[in-house]
Amino acid sequence: MTYAEIERHCLSLACVTATSQWRGHRVFKVGGKMFAVLSPKDQRPQTMSFKTSEESFAILVAAKDIAPAPYLARANWVRLARLGALSGRELKAYLARAHGLVAQGLSRKKKSELGLG
């Protein structure tokens, strides 16, 4: 998937906002909580980090070009060393799951405000 396709997919998920932080990193949030981060557009290679479940974390970090995300590994975040480390289909599924994991952790009040359940 390209940078633009990933950005479009993340923004298509329910109640997602995107900000530019940390020297141009694109941060995707649901309810103010991060679920994915894209490296700056002009960075080469382009990288990405996202939240995973414990099971997915163990599987993904064993794969080529995927490692525990710096500073966030203890919260089960992984970092793709390049955007092509996963197929487009796999990446979309993992990003949707990352969104769901973070949304699930929001307070009942916040979920209600956002219409998430």
PDB file of N, CA and C in Angstrom:
ATOM      1  N   MET A   1       0.845  -1.187   0.000  1.00  0.00           N
ATOM      2  CA  MET A   1       0.000   0.000   0.000  1.00  0.00           C
ATOM      3  C   MET A   1       0.880   1.236   0.000  1.00  0.00           C
ATOM      4  N   THR A   2       0.405   2.256  -0.645  1.00  0.00           N
ATOM      5  CA  THR A   2       1.130   3.520  -0.664  1.00  0.00           C
ATOM      6  C   THR A   2       0.774   4.349   0.568  1.00  0.00           C
ATOM      7  N   TYR A   3       1.554   5.372   0.788  1.00  0.00           N
ATOM      8  CA  TYR A   3       1.307   6.295   1.897  1.00  0.00           C
ATOM      9  C   TYR A   3      -0.118   6.842   1.819  1.00  0.00           C
ATOM     10  N   ALA A   4      -0.512   7.297   0.628  1.00  0.00           N
ATOM     11  CA  ALA A   4      -1.841   7.893   0.441  1.00  0.00           C
ATOM     12  C   ALA A   4      -2.948   6.863   0.681  1.00  0.00           C
ATOM     13  N   GLU A   5      -2.748   5.634   0.241  1.00  0.00           N
ATOM     14  CA  GLU A   5      -3.756   4.586   0.456  1.00  0.00           C
ATOM     15  C   GLU A   5      -3.915   4.261   1.937  1.00  0.00           C
ATOM     16  N   ILE A   6      -2.804   4.221   2.654  1.00  0.00           N
ATOM     17  CA  ILE A   6      -2.858   3.954   4.094  1.00  0.00           C
ATOM     18  C   ILE A   6      -3.580   5.097   4.798  1.00  0.00           C
ATOM     19  N   GLU A   7      -3.235   6.304   4.446  1.00  0.00           N
ATOM     20  CA  GLU A   7      -3.877   7.476   5.045  1.00  0.00           C
ATOM     21  C   GLU A   7      -5.385   7.462   4.781  1.00  0.00           C
ATOM     22  N   ARG A   8      -5.763   7.181   3.552  1.00  0.00           N
ATOM     23  CA  ARG A   8      -7.178   7.123   3.172  1.00  0.00           C
ATOM     24  C   ARG A   8      -7.907   6.024   3.966  1.00  0.00           C
ATOM     25  N   HIS A   9      -7.267   4.874   4.094  1.00  0.00           N
ATOM     26  CA  HIS A   9      -7.892   3.771   4.840  1.00  0.00           C
ATOM     27  C   HIS A   9      -8.088   4.147   6.312  1.00  0.00           C
ATOM     28  N   CYS A  10      -7.053   4.677   6.934  1.00  0.00           N
ATOM     29  CA  CYS A  10      -7.164   5.052   8.358  1.00  0.00           C
ATOM     30  C   CYS A  10      -8.270   6.081   8.561  1.00  0.00           C
ATOM     31  N   LEU A  11      -8.347   7.063   7.680  1.00  0.00           N
ATOM     32  CA  LEU A  11      -9.364   8.104   7.814  1.00  0.00           C
ATOM     33  C   LEU A  11     -10.773   7.599   7.519  1.00  0.00           C
ATOM     34  N   SER A  12     -10.878   6.445   6.865  1.00  0.00           N
ATOM     35  CA  SER A  12     -12.200   5.883   6.569  1.00  0.00           C
ATOM     36  C   SER A  12     -12.791   5.154   7.779  1.00  0.00           C
ATOM     37  N   LEU A  13     -11.980   4.878   8.780  1.00  0.00           N
ATOM     38  CA  LEU A  13     -12.455   4.186   9.973  1.00  0.00           C
ATOM     39  C   LEU A  13     -13.256   5.153  10.844  1.00  0.00           C
ATOM     40  N   ALA A  14     -14.140   4.640  11.648  1.00  0.00           N
ATOM     41  CA  ALA A  14     -15.063   5.460  12.448  1.00  0.00           C
ATOM     42  C   ALA A  14     -14.350   6.411  13.404  1.00  0.00           C
ATOM     43  N   CYS A  15     -14.761   7.666  13.355  1.00  0.00           N
ATOM     44  CA  CYS A  15     -14.347   8.690  14.329  1.00  0.00           C
ATOM     45  C   CYS A  15     -12.849   8.926  14.389  1.00  0.00           C
ATOM     46  N   VAL A  16     -12.156   8.789  13.279  1.00  0.00           N
ATOM     47  CA  VAL A  16     -10.707   8.966  13.258  1.00  0.00           C
ATOM     48  C   VAL A  16     -10.344  10.416  12.971  1.00  0.00           C
ATOM     49  N   THR A  17      -9.346  10.880  13.703  1.00  0.00           N
ATOM     50  CA  THR A  17      -8.751  12.184  13.425  1.00  0.00           C
ATOM     51  C   THR A  17      -7.282  11.942  13.122  1.00  0.00           C
ATOM     52  N   ALA A  18      -6.682  12.864  12.393  1.00  0.00           N
ATOM     53  CA  ALA A  18      -5.262  12.751  12.062  1.00  0.00           C
ATOM     54  C   ALA A  18      -4.581  14.067  12.393  1.00  0.00           C
ATOM     55  N   THR A  19      -3.406  13.956  12.956  1.00  0.00           N
ATOM     56  CA  THR A  19      -2.610  15.133  13.271  1.00  0.00           C
ATOM     57  C   THR A  19      -1.196  14.921  12.763  1.00  0.00           C
ATOM     58  N   SER A  20      -0.479  16.010  12.663  1.00  0.00           N
ATOM     59  CA  SER A  20       0.926  15.947  12.306  1.00  0.00           C
ATOM     60  C   SER A  20       1.721  16.265  13.569  1.00  0.00           C
ATOM     61  N   GLN A  21       2.529  15.322  14.014  1.00  0.00           N
ATOM     62  CA  GLN A  21       3.300  15.471  15.243  1.00  0.00           C
ATOM     63  C   GLN A  21       4.724  14.986  15.020  1.00  0.00           C
ATOM     64  N   TRP A  22       5.576  15.272  15.962  1.00  0.00           N
ATOM     65  CA  TRP A  22       6.934  14.723  15.978  1.00  0.00           C
ATOM     66  C   TRP A  22       7.644  14.852  14.634  1.00  0.00           C
ATOM     67  N   ARG A  23       7.855  16.093  14.227  1.00  0.00           N
ATOM     68  CA  ARG A  23       8.585  16.374  12.973  1.00  0.00           C
ATOM     69  C   ARG A  23       7.925  15.772  11.742  1.00  0.00           C
ATOM     70  N   GLY A  24       6.613  15.907  11.663  1.00  0.00           N
ATOM     71  CA  GLY A  24       5.902  15.507  10.455  1.00  0.00           C
ATOM     72  C   GLY A  24       5.314  14.112  10.437  1.00  0.00           C
ATOM     73  N   HIS A  25       5.398  13.373  11.525  1.00  0.00           N
ATOM     74  CA  HIS A  25       4.757  12.062  11.557  1.00  0.00           C
ATOM     75  C   HIS A  25       3.241  12.256  11.524  1.00  0.00           C
ATOM     76  N   ARG A  26       2.565  11.420  10.778  1.00  0.00           N
ATOM     77  CA  ARG A  26       1.097  11.469  10.667  1.00  0.00           C
ATOM     78  C   ARG A  26       0.528  10.518  11.714  1.00  0.00           C
ATOM     79  N   VAL A  27      -0.204  11.063  12.680  1.00  0.00           N
ATOM     80  CA  VAL A  27      -0.719  10.284  13.801  1.00  0.00           C
ATOM     81  C   VAL A  27      -2.234  10.145  13.664  1.00  0.00           C
ATOM     82  N   PHE A  28      -2.702   8.905  13.676  1.00  0.00           N
ATOM     83  CA  PHE A  28      -4.130   8.615  13.544  1.00  0.00           C
ATOM     84  C   PHE A  28      -4.664   8.239  14.915  1.00  0.00           C
ATOM     85  N   LYS A  29      -5.794   8.869  15.293  1.00  0.00           N
ATOM     86  CA  LYS A  29      -6.358   8.695  16.622  1.00  0.00           C
ATOM     87  C   LYS A  29      -7.850   8.416  16.545  1.00  0.00           C
ATOM     88  N   VAL A  30      -8.323   7.718  17.561  1.00  0.00           N
ATOM     89  CA  VAL A  30      -9.757   7.551  17.763  1.00  0.00           C
ATOM     90  C   VAL A  30     -10.014   7.955  19.214  1.00  0.00           C
ATOM     91  N   GLY A  31     -10.924   8.877  19.412  1.00  0.00           N
ATOM     92  CA  GLY A  31     -11.205   9.366  20.756  1.00  0.00           C
ATOM     93  C   GLY A  31     -10.001  10.012  21.414  1.00  0.00           C
ATOM     94  N   GLY A  32      -9.103  10.568  20.614  1.00  0.00           N
ATOM     95  CA  GLY A  32      -7.907  11.218  21.141  1.00  0.00           C
ATOM     96  C   GLY A  32      -6.770  10.268  21.467  1.00  0.00           C
ATOM     97  N   LYS A  33      -6.937   8.981  21.214  1.00  0.00           N
ATOM     98  CA  LYS A  33      -5.918   7.970  21.513  1.00  0.00           C
ATOM     99  C   LYS A  33      -5.328   7.431  20.205  1.00  0.00           C
ATOM    100  N   MET A  34      -4.019   7.345  20.141  1.00  0.00           N
ATOM    101  CA  MET A  34      -3.331   6.875  18.937  1.00  0.00           C
ATOM    102  C   MET A  34      -3.581   5.397  18.669  1.00  0.00           C
ATOM    103  N   PHE A  35      -3.716   5.078  17.380  1.00  0.00           N
ATOM    104  CA  PHE A  35      -3.745   3.672  16.995  1.00  0.00           C
ATOM    105  C   PHE A  35      -2.760   3.371  15.872  1.00  0.00           C
ATOM    106  N   ALA A  36      -2.280   4.413  15.167  1.00  0.00           N
ATOM    107  CA  ALA A  36      -1.300   4.216  14.099  1.00  0.00           C
ATOM    108  C   ALA A  36      -0.511   5.501  13.863  1.00  0.00           C
ATOM    109  N   VAL A  37       0.732   5.317  13.409  1.00  0.00           N
ATOM    110  CA  VAL A  37       1.612   6.460  13.120  1.00  0.00           C
ATOM    111  C   VAL A  37       2.375   6.165  11.837  1.00  0.00           C
ATOM    112  N   LEU A  38       2.329   7.104  10.900  1.00  0.00           N
ATOM    113  CA  LEU A  38       3.084   7.014   9.648  1.00  0.00           C
ATOM    114  C   LEU A  38       4.267   7.967   9.717  1.00  0.00           C
ATOM    115  N   SER A  39       5.403   7.546   9.184  1.00  0.00           N
ATOM    116  CA  SER A  39       6.571   8.421   9.127  1.00  0.00           C
ATOM    117  C   SER A  39       6.264   9.609   8.212  1.00  0.00           C
ATOM    118  N   PRO A  40       7.085  10.667   8.260  1.00  0.00           N
ATOM    119  CA  PRO A  40       6.862  11.794   7.352  1.00  0.00           C
ATOM    120  C   PRO A  40       6.855  11.328   5.893  1.00  0.00           C
ATOM    121  N   LYS A  41       6.059  11.995   5.079  1.00  0.00           N
ATOM    122  CA  LYS A  41       5.891  11.613   3.667  1.00  0.00           C
ATOM    123  C   LYS A  41       7.211  11.524   2.907  1.00  0.00           C
ATOM    124  N   ASP A  42       8.130  12.421   3.221  1.00  0.00           N
ATOM    125  CA  ASP A  42       9.388  12.468   2.471  1.00  0.00           C
ATOM    126  C   ASP A  42      10.482  11.571   3.050  1.00  0.00           C
ATOM    127  N   GLN A  43      10.212  10.889   4.134  1.00  0.00           N
ATOM    128  CA  GLN A  43      11.217   9.999   4.737  1.00  0.00           C
ATOM    129  C   GLN A  43      11.362   8.741   3.897  1.00  0.00           C
ATOM    130  N   ARG A  44      12.575   8.288   3.718  1.00  0.00           N
ATOM    131  CA  ARG A  44      12.831   7.034   3.003  1.00  0.00           C
ATOM    132  C   ARG A  44      13.706   6.149   3.860  1.00  0.00           C
ATOM    133  N   PRO A  45      13.387   4.895   4.047  1.00  0.00           N
ATOM    134  CA  PRO A  45      12.116   4.313   3.638  1.00  0.00           C
ATOM    135  C   PRO A  45      10.982   4.809   4.522  1.00  0.00           C
ATOM    136  N   GLN A  46       9.789   4.768   3.978  1.00  0.00           N
ATOM    137  CA  GLN A  46       8.616   5.153   4.771  1.00  0.00           C
ATOM    138  C   GLN A  46       8.316   4.018   5.740  1.00  0.00           C
ATOM    139  N   THR A  47       8.010   4.384   6.976  1.00  0.00           N
ATOM    140  CA  THR A  47       7.744   3.399   8.015  1.00  0.00           C
ATOM    141  C   THR A  47       6.382   3.650   8.639  1.00  0.00           C
ATOM    142  N   MET A  48       5.944   2.689   9.425  1.00  0.00           N
ATOM    143  CA  MET A  48       4.651   2.820  10.090  1.00  0.00           C
ATOM    144  C   MET A  48       4.655   2.014  11.365  1.00  0.00           C
ATOM    145  N   SER A  49       3.965   2.515  12.383  1.00  0.00           N
ATOM    146  CA  SER A  49       3.779   1.780  13.627  1.00  0.00           C
ATOM    147  C   SER A  49       2.288   1.722  13.933  1.00  0.00           C
ATOM    148  N   PHE A  50       1.867   0.640  14.584  1.00  0.00           N
ATOM    149  CA  PHE A  50       0.465   0.531  14.977  1.00  0.00           C
ATOM    150  C   PHE A  50       0.304  -0.417  16.154  1.00  0.00           C
ATOM    151  N   LYS A  51      -0.827  -0.278  16.828  1.00  0.00           N
ATOM    152  CA  LYS A  51      -1.180  -1.093  17.991  1.00  0.00           C
ATOM    153  C   LYS A  51      -1.630  -2.471  17.528  1.00  0.00           C
ATOM    154  N   THR A  52      -1.285  -3.505  18.313  1.00  0.00           N
ATOM    155  CA  THR A  52      -1.726  -4.861  18.012  1.00  0.00           C
ATOM    156  C   THR A  52      -2.181  -5.548  19.299  1.00  0.00           C
ATOM    157  N   SER A  53      -2.780  -6.689  19.141  1.00  0.00           N
ATOM    158  CA  SER A  53      -3.082  -7.535  20.297  1.00  0.00           C
ATOM    159  C   SER A  53      -1.785  -8.240  20.705  1.00  0.00           C
ATOM    160  N   GLU A  54      -1.775  -8.851  21.871  1.00  0.00           N
ATOM    161  CA  GLU A  54      -0.590  -9.593  22.318  1.00  0.00           C
ATOM    162  C   GLU A  54      -0.241 -10.715  21.347  1.00  0.00           C
ATOM    163  N   GLU A  55      -1.249 -11.420  20.868  1.00  0.00           N
ATOM    164  CA  GLU A  55      -1.030 -12.537  19.953  1.00  0.00           C
ATOM    165  C   GLU A  55      -0.452 -12.049  18.625  1.00  0.00           C
ATOM    166  N   SER A  56      -1.027 -11.007  18.074  1.00  0.00           N
ATOM    167  CA  SER A  56      -0.539 -10.464  16.809  1.00  0.00           C
ATOM    168  C   SER A  56       0.866  -9.899  16.963  1.00  0.00           C
ATOM    169  N   PHE A  57       1.142  -9.283  18.096  1.00  0.00           N
ATOM    170  CA  PHE A  57       2.476  -8.737  18.356  1.00  0.00           C
ATOM    171  C   PHE A  57       3.519  -9.851  18.240  1.00  0.00           C
ATOM    172  N   ALA A  58       3.271 -10.975  18.896  1.00  0.00           N
ATOM    173  CA  ALA A  58       4.212 -12.095  18.868  1.00  0.00           C
ATOM    174  C   ALA A  58       4.417 -12.627  17.449  1.00  0.00           C
ATOM    175  N   ILE A  59       3.350 -12.698  16.686  1.00  0.00           N
ATOM    176  CA  ILE A  59       3.432 -13.188  15.308  1.00  0.00           C
ATOM    177  C   ILE A  59       4.178 -12.188  14.424  1.00  0.00           C
ATOM    178  N   LEU A  60       3.807 -10.917  14.526  1.00  0.00           N
ATOM    179  CA  LEU A  60       4.373  -9.899  13.637  1.00  0.00           C
ATOM    180  C   LEU A  60       5.859  -9.652  13.873  1.00  0.00           C
ATOM    181  N   VAL A  61       6.294  -9.606  15.116  1.00  0.00           N
ATOM    182  CA  VAL A  61       7.716  -9.299  15.357  1.00  0.00           C
ATOM    183  C   VAL A  61       8.638 -10.430  14.904  1.00  0.00           C
ATOM    184  N   ALA A  62       8.080 -11.598  14.612  1.00  0.00           N
ATOM    185  CA  ALA A  62       8.870 -12.698  14.073  1.00  0.00           C
ATOM    186  C   ALA A  62       9.026 -12.583  12.557  1.00  0.00           C
ATOM    187  N   ALA A  63       8.290 -11.681  11.939  1.00  0.00           N
ATOM    188  CA  ALA A  63       8.321 -11.518  10.479  1.00  0.00           C
ATOM    189  C   ALA A  63       9.446 -10.565  10.054  1.00  0.00           C
ATOM    190  N   LYS A  64       9.848 -10.702   8.817  1.00  0.00           N
ATOM    191  CA  LYS A  64      10.886  -9.840   8.250  1.00  0.00           C
ATOM    192  C   LYS A  64      10.372  -8.403   8.144  1.00  0.00           C
ATOM    193  N   ASP A  65      11.227  -7.452   8.446  1.00  0.00           N
ATOM    194  CA  ASP A  65      10.946  -6.014   8.340  1.00  0.00           C
ATOM    195  C   ASP A  65       9.895  -5.509   9.323  1.00  0.00           C
ATOM    196  N   ILE A  66       9.624  -6.288  10.383  1.00  0.00           N
ATOM    197  CA  ILE A  66       8.695  -5.845  11.430  1.00  0.00           C
ATOM    198  C   ILE A  66       9.374  -6.058  12.777  1.00  0.00           C
ATOM    199  N   ALA A  67       9.330  -5.030  13.623  1.00  0.00           N
ATOM    200  CA  ALA A  67       9.987  -5.093  14.930  1.00  0.00           C
ATOM    201  C   ALA A  67       9.105  -4.423  15.984  1.00  0.00           C
ATOM    202  N   PRO A  68       9.412  -4.646  17.249  1.00  0.00           N
ATOM    203  CA  PRO A  68       8.695  -3.903  18.289  1.00  0.00           C
ATOM    204  C   PRO A  68       8.913  -2.402  18.069  1.00  0.00           C
ATOM    205  N   ALA A  69       7.885  -1.617  18.233  1.00  0.00           N
ATOM    206  CA  ALA A  69       7.990  -0.170  18.027  1.00  0.00           C
ATOM    207  C   ALA A  69       8.746   0.476  19.184  1.00  0.00           C
ATOM    208  N   PRO A  70       9.708   1.348  18.866  1.00  0.00           N
ATOM    209  CA  PRO A  70      10.424   2.040  19.935  1.00  0.00           C
ATOM    210  C   PRO A  70       9.445   2.791  20.837  1.00  0.00           C
ATOM    211  N   TYR A  71       9.683   2.728  22.128  1.00  0.00           N
ATOM    212  CA  TYR A  71       8.904   3.409  23.167  1.00  0.00           C
ATOM    213  C   TYR A  71       7.507   2.825  23.388  1.00  0.00           C
ATOM    214  N   LEU A  72       6.960   2.107  22.433  1.00  0.00           N
ATOM    215  CA  LEU A  72       5.583   1.634  22.548  1.00  0.00           C
ATOM    216  C   LEU A  72       5.448   0.114  22.535  1.00  0.00           C
ATOM    217  N   ALA A  73       6.556  -0.589  22.467  1.00  0.00           N
ATOM    218  CA  ALA A  73       6.508  -2.055  22.385  1.00  0.00           C
ATOM    219  C   ALA A  73       5.808  -2.666  23.595  1.00  0.00           C
ATOM    220  N   ARG A  74       5.989  -2.075  24.771  1.00  0.00           N
ATOM    221  CA  ARG A  74       5.359  -2.645  25.968  1.00  0.00           C
ATOM    222  C   ARG A  74       3.843  -2.570  25.895  1.00  0.00           C
ATOM    223  N   ALA A  75       3.322  -1.730  25.013  1.00  0.00           N
ATOM    224  CA  ALA A  75       1.872  -1.624  24.798  1.00  0.00           C
ATOM    225  C   ALA A  75       1.456  -2.380  23.528  1.00  0.00           C
ATOM    226  N   ASN A  76       2.320  -3.293  23.079  1.00  0.00           N
ATOM    227  CA  ASN A  76       2.050  -4.142  21.903  1.00  0.00           C
ATOM    228  C   ASN A  76       1.946  -3.365  20.596  1.00  0.00           C
ATOM    229  N   TRP A  77       2.846  -2.427  20.385  1.00  0.00           N
ATOM    230  CA  TRP A  77       2.939  -1.720  19.118  1.00  0.00           C
ATOM    231  C   TRP A  77       4.084  -2.324  18.311  1.00  0.00           C
ATOM    232  N   VAL A  78       3.868  -2.426  16.998  1.00  0.00           N
ATOM    233  CA  VAL A  78       4.916  -2.897  16.093  1.00  0.00           C
ATOM    234  C   VAL A  78       5.291  -1.777  15.121  1.00  0.00           C
ATOM    235  N   ARG A  79       6.472  -1.909  14.534  1.00  0.00           N
ATOM    236  CA  ARG A  79       6.955  -0.928  13.555  1.00  0.00           C
ATOM    237  C   ARG A  79       7.336  -1.661  12.282  1.00  0.00           C
ATOM    238  N   LEU A  80       6.749  -1.225  11.179  1.00  0.00           N
ATOM    239  CA  LEU A  80       7.101  -1.760   9.866  1.00  0.00           C
ATOM    240  C   LEU A  80       8.291  -0.964   9.356  1.00  0.00           C
ATOM    241  N   ALA A  81       9.374  -1.642   9.009  1.00  0.00           N
ATOM    242  CA  ALA A  81      10.574  -0.975   8.515  1.00  0.00           C
ATOM    243  C   ALA A  81      10.364  -0.391   7.121  1.00  0.00           C
ATOM    244  N   ARG A  82       9.340  -0.873   6.449  1.00  0.00           N
ATOM    245  CA  ARG A  82       8.942  -0.351   5.129  1.00  0.00           C
ATOM    246  C   ARG A  82       7.461  -0.645   4.964  1.00  0.00           C
ATOM    247  N   LEU A  83       6.775   0.185   4.195  1.00  0.00           N
ATOM    248  CA  LEU A  83       5.327   0.035   4.061  1.00  0.00           C
ATOM    249  C   LEU A  83       4.922  -1.276   3.399  1.00  0.00           C
ATOM    250  N   GLY A  84       5.801  -1.869   2.611  1.00  0.00           N
ATOM    251  CA  GLY A  84       5.494  -3.127   1.932  1.00  0.00           C
ATOM    252  C   GLY A  84       5.764  -4.366   2.769  1.00  0.00           C
ATOM    253  N   ALA A  85       6.028  -4.207   4.053  1.00  0.00           N
ATOM    254  CA  ALA A  85       6.318  -5.363   4.920  1.00  0.00           C
ATOM    255  C   ALA A  85       5.107  -6.293   5.044  1.00  0.00           C
ATOM    256  N   LEU A  86       3.918  -5.765   4.872  1.00  0.00           N
ATOM    257  CA  LEU A  86       2.687  -6.558   4.873  1.00  0.00           C
ATOM    258  C   LEU A  86       1.944  -6.292   3.569  1.00  0.00           C
ATOM    259  N   SER A  87       1.160  -7.243   3.122  1.00  0.00           N
ATOM    260  CA  SER A  87       0.335  -7.008   1.937  1.00  0.00           C
ATOM    261  C   SER A  87      -0.712  -5.950   2.283  1.00  0.00           C
ATOM    262  N   GLY A  88      -1.279  -5.331   1.273  1.00  0.00           N
ATOM    263  CA  GLY A  88      -2.304  -4.322   1.492  1.00  0.00           C
ATOM    264  C   GLY A  88      -3.484  -4.871   2.276  1.00  0.00           C
ATOM    265  N   ARG A  89      -3.886  -6.063   1.947  1.00  0.00           N
ATOM    266  CA  ARG A  89      -5.019  -6.708   2.620  1.00  0.00           C
ATOM    267  C   ARG A  89      -4.713  -6.939   4.104  1.00  0.00           C
ATOM    268  N   GLU A  90      -3.498  -7.449   4.378  1.00  0.00           N
ATOM    269  CA  GLU A  90      -3.096  -7.692   5.771  1.00  0.00           C
ATOM    270  C   GLU A  90      -3.016  -6.382   6.550  1.00  0.00           C
ATOM    271  N   LEU A  91      -2.392  -5.386   5.943  1.00  0.00           N
ATOM    272  CA  LEU A  91      -2.218  -4.107   6.630  1.00  0.00           C
ATOM    273  C   LEU A  91      -3.564  -3.459   6.942  1.00  0.00           C
ATOM    274  N   LYS A  92      -4.484  -3.490   6.000  1.00  0.00           N
ATOM    275  CA  LYS A  92      -5.823  -2.942   6.254  1.00  0.00           C
ATOM    276  C   LYS A  92      -6.486  -3.648   7.427  1.00  0.00           C
ATOM    277  N   ALA A  93      -6.350  -4.959   7.480  1.00  0.00           N
ATOM    278  CA  ALA A  93      -6.961  -5.730   8.573  1.00  0.00           C
ATOM    279  C   ALA A  93      -6.309  -5.378   9.910  1.00  0.00           C
ATOM    280  N   TYR A  94      -4.998  -5.270   9.940  1.00  0.00           N
ATOM    281  CA  TYR A  94      -4.314  -4.926  11.190  1.00  0.00           C
ATOM    282  C   TYR A  94      -4.653  -3.503  11.636  1.00  0.00           C
ATOM    283  N   LEU A  95      -4.778  -2.586  10.685  1.00  0.00           N
ATOM    284  CA  LEU A  95      -5.126  -1.208  11.053  1.00  0.00           C
ATOM    285  C   LEU A  95      -6.557  -1.122  11.581  1.00  0.00           C
ATOM    286  N   ALA A  96      -7.465  -1.864  10.981  1.00  0.00           N
ATOM    287  CA  ALA A  96      -8.847  -1.886  11.482  1.00  0.00           C
ATOM    288  C   ALA A  96      -8.879  -2.477  12.888  1.00  0.00           C
ATOM    289  N   ARG A  97      -8.075  -3.503  13.115  1.00  0.00           N
ATOM    290  CA  ARG A  97      -8.012  -4.119  14.448  1.00  0.00           C
ATOM    291  C   ARG A  97      -7.378  -3.155  15.449  1.00  0.00           C
ATOM    292  N   ALA A  98      -6.340  -2.427  15.027  1.00  0.00           N
ATOM    293  CA  ALA A  98      -5.700  -1.437  15.909  1.00  0.00           C
ATOM    294  C   ALA A  98      -6.713  -0.381  16.325  1.00  0.00           C
ATOM    295  N   HIS A  99      -7.481   0.080  15.367  1.00  0.00           N
ATOM    296  CA  HIS A  99      -8.544   1.056  15.635  1.00  0.00           C
ATOM    297  C   HIS A  99      -9.530   0.489  16.645  1.00  0.00           C
ATOM    298  N   GLY A 100      -9.947  -0.758  16.421  1.00  0.00           N
ATOM    299  CA  GLY A 100     -10.906  -1.405  17.314  1.00  0.00           C
ATOM    300  C   GLY A 100     -10.367  -1.597  18.726  1.00  0.00           C
ATOM    301  N   LEU A 101      -9.110  -1.978  18.841  1.00  0.00           N
ATOM    302  CA  LEU A 101      -8.498  -2.171  20.156  1.00  0.00           C
ATOM    303  C   LEU A 101      -8.480  -0.867  20.953  1.00  0.00           C
ATOM    304  N   VAL A 102      -8.105   0.211  20.284  1.00  0.00           N
ATOM    305  CA  VAL A 102      -8.039   1.503  20.968  1.00  0.00           C
ATOM    306  C   VAL A 102      -9.443   2.006  21.286  1.00  0.00           C
ATOM    307  N   ALA A 103     -10.367   1.877  20.348  1.00  0.00           N
ATOM    308  CA  ALA A 103     -11.747   2.316  20.583  1.00  0.00           C
ATOM    309  C   ALA A 103     -12.374   1.546  21.738  1.00  0.00           C
ATOM    310  N   GLN A 104     -12.069   0.266  21.819  1.00  0.00           N
ATOM    311  CA  GLN A 104     -12.597  -0.589  22.884  1.00  0.00           C
ATOM    312  C   GLN A 104     -12.112  -0.120  24.255  1.00  0.00           C
ATOM    313  N   GLY A 105     -10.922   0.444  24.313  1.00  0.00           N
ATOM    314  CA  GLY A 105     -10.352   0.901  25.572  1.00  0.00           C
ATOM    315  C   GLY A 105     -10.826   2.268  26.029  1.00  0.00           C
ATOM    316  N   LEU A 106     -11.616   2.942  25.208  1.00  0.00           N
ATOM    317  CA  LEU A 106     -12.127   4.259  25.589  1.00  0.00           C
ATOM    318  C   LEU A 106     -13.189   4.118  26.681  1.00  0.00           C
ATOM    319  N   SER A 107     -13.363   5.178  27.420  1.00  0.00           N
ATOM    320  CA  SER A 107     -14.392   5.166  28.462  1.00  0.00           C
ATOM    321  C   SER A 107     -15.773   5.034  27.823  1.00  0.00           C
ATOM    322  N   ARG A 108     -16.715   4.555  28.605  1.00  0.00           N
ATOM    323  CA  ARG A 108     -18.092   4.413  28.130  1.00  0.00           C
ATOM    324  C   ARG A 108     -18.629   5.773  27.662  1.00  0.00           C
ATOM    325  N   LYS A 109     -18.322   6.814  28.422  1.00  0.00           N
ATOM    326  CA  LYS A 109     -18.790   8.159  28.094  1.00  0.00           C
ATOM    327  C   LYS A 109     -18.219   8.610  26.745  1.00  0.00           C
ATOM    328  N   LYS A 110     -16.901   8.393  26.545  1.00  0.00           N
ATOM    329  CA  LYS A 110     -16.256   8.805  25.306  1.00  0.00           C
ATOM    330  C   LYS A 110     -16.815   8.038  24.115  1.00  0.00           C
ATOM    331  N   LYS A 111     -17.022   6.739  24.287  1.00  0.00           N
ATOM    332  CA  LYS A 111     -17.617   5.929  23.219  1.00  0.00           C
ATOM    333  C   LYS A 111     -19.005   6.455  22.860  1.00  0.00           C
ATOM    334  N   SER A 112     -19.783   6.793  23.868  1.00  0.00           N
ATOM    335  CA  SER A 112     -21.123   7.310  23.653  1.00  0.00           C
ATOM    336  C   SER A 112     -21.066   8.647  22.912  1.00  0.00           C
ATOM    337  N   GLU A 113     -20.173   9.537  23.317  1.00  0.00           N
ATOM    338  CA  GLU A 113     -20.003  10.835  22.654  1.00  0.00           C
ATOM    339  C   GLU A 113     -19.666  10.655  21.174  1.00  0.00           C
ATOM    340  N   LEU A 114     -18.846   9.653  20.873  1.00  0.00           N
ATOM    341  CA  LEU A 114     -18.409   9.424  19.505  1.00  0.00           C
ATOM    342  C   LEU A 114     -19.379   8.551  18.698  1.00  0.00           C
ATOM    343  N   GLY A 115     -20.350   7.969  19.383  1.00  0.00           N
ATOM    344  CA  GLY A 115     -21.290   7.083  18.705  1.00  0.00           C
ATOM    345  C   GLY A 115     -20.678   5.736  18.370  1.00  0.00           C
ATOM    346  N   LEU A 116     -19.790   5.279  19.237  1.00  0.00           N
ATOM    347  CA  LEU A 116     -19.100   4.013  18.986  1.00  0.00           C
ATOM    348  C   LEU A 116     -19.684   2.837  19.754  1.00  0.00           C
ATOM    349  N   GLY A 117     -20.827   2.991  20.299  1.00  0.00           N
ATOM    350  CA  GLY A 117     -21.312   1.779  20.841  1.00  0.00           C
ATOM    351  C   GLY A 117     -22.115   1.747  22.046  1.00  0.00           C
TER     352      GLY A 117
END
